[in-house]
Amino acid sequence: MDHIVTVQDAVTAFADWMEPTDAELKAIELEMPAILADVDQVDAEIAALENRPNELSTRRVRRARRRALTARVALLNQTGGTSVEEDAA
């Protein structure tokens, strides 16, 4: 059986205009510490859900949440209160 595929998708999938711009890459790089802190927070929350609740898992989640908030505050201080998306645009 031959599959019929449109050529349009294959051509536009690799178009130059679909690549992130330098400003977008810079915004992602600027936001990366906050993204990684959010990932650590989710990991701590998942680990806490997988085990019986105890004081250690509660502390891990609390610390991860504090690190994520600290990273977000640092990001806001770096950008001067403007959103990173506005800087990239």
Protein backbone atom coordinates (compact mmCIF):
# COMPACT_ATOMS: atom_id res chain seq x y z
CA MET A 1 0.00 0.00 0.00
CA ASP A 2 1.41 3.39 -0.99
CA HIS A 3 0.87 6.26 1.39
CA ILE A 4 0.11 9.60 -0.11
CA VAL A 5 1.82 12.40 1.77
CA THR A 6 1.67 16.06 0.98
CA VAL A 7 4.94 17.62 -0.06
CA GLN A 8 3.98 20.91 1.62
CA ASP A 9 4.55 19.54 5.14
CA ALA A 10 7.94 18.14 4.24
CA VAL A 11 9.05 21.39 2.63
CA THR A 12 7.83 23.78 5.33
CA ALA A 13 8.99 21.59 8.20
CA PHE A 14 12.56 22.72 7.59
CA ALA A 15 11.97 26.30 6.52
CA ASP A 16 14.43 28.90 7.83
CA TRP A 17 11.67 31.03 9.33
CA MET A 18 10.67 28.19 11.67
CA GLU A 19 13.98 28.30 13.53
CA PRO A 20 14.13 30.32 16.76
CA THR A 21 15.59 33.77 16.39
CA ASP A 22 18.66 34.94 18.26
CA ALA A 23 16.44 36.98 20.58
CA GLU A 24 14.30 33.92 21.36
CA LEU A 25 17.38 31.80 22.07
CA LYS A 26 18.74 34.54 24.32
CA ALA A 27 15.42 34.67 26.20
CA ILE A 28 15.47 30.90 26.68
CA GLU A 29 19.04 31.04 27.94
CA LEU A 30 18.12 33.84 30.34
CA GLU A 31 15.16 31.86 31.66
CA MET A 32 16.98 28.50 31.89
CA PRO A 33 17.82 28.71 35.66
CA ALA A 34 14.14 29.27 36.44
CA ILE A 35 13.12 26.42 34.13
CA LEU A 36 15.58 24.03 35.78
CA ALA A 37 14.40 25.09 39.24
CA ASP A 38 10.81 24.37 38.17
CA VAL A 39 11.87 20.93 36.94
CA ASP A 40 13.57 20.23 40.28
CA GLN A 41 10.39 21.29 42.08
CA VAL A 42 8.25 18.94 40.00
CA ASP A 43 10.75 16.11 40.60
CA ALA A 44 10.57 16.70 44.37
CA GLU A 45 6.77 16.75 44.26
CA ILE A 46 6.66 13.51 42.27
CA ALA A 47 9.06 11.84 44.70
CA ALA A 48 6.88 12.99 47.60
CA LEU A 49 3.78 11.55 45.95
CA GLU A 50 5.43 8.20 45.27
CA ASN A 51 6.34 7.60 48.93
CA ARG A 52 4.51 7.84 52.20
CA PRO A 53 4.43 11.44 53.39
CA ASN A 54 7.21 12.21 55.81
CA GLU A 55 9.14 15.20 57.08
CA LEU A 56 12.06 14.68 54.69
CA SER A 57 9.91 14.76 51.54
CA THR A 58 8.07 17.81 52.88
CA ARG A 59 11.39 19.60 53.37
CA ARG A 60 12.57 18.64 49.87
CA VAL A 61 9.41 20.04 48.29
CA ARG A 62 9.64 23.21 50.39
CA ARG A 63 13.31 23.74 49.45
CA ALA A 64 12.62 23.10 45.78
CA ARG A 65 9.71 25.54 45.85
CA ARG A 66 11.93 28.18 47.49
CA ARG A 67 14.65 27.66 44.87
CA ALA A 68 12.08 28.01 42.08
CA LEU A 69 10.72 31.23 43.58
CA THR A 70 14.25 32.57 44.06
CA ALA A 71 15.08 31.79 40.43
CA ARG A 72 11.90 33.56 39.27
CA VAL A 73 12.72 36.63 41.37
CA ALA A 74 16.25 36.69 39.97
CA LEU A 75 14.83 36.45 36.45
CA LEU A 76 12.48 39.35 37.10
CA ASN A 77 15.32 41.42 38.53
CA GLN A 78 17.48 40.72 35.46
CA THR A 79 14.75 41.66 32.99
CA GLY A 80 13.78 44.77 34.93
CA GLY A 81 10.20 43.64 35.42
CA THR A 82 9.43 43.26 31.72
CA SER A 83 8.38 39.86 30.50
CA VAL A 84 10.98 37.77 28.69
CA GLU A 85 8.56 37.27 25.77
CA GLU A 86 8.40 41.04 25.19
CA ASP A 87 12.20 41.21 25.12
CA ALA A 88 12.33 38.43 22.52
CA ALA A 89 9.76 40.05 20.25
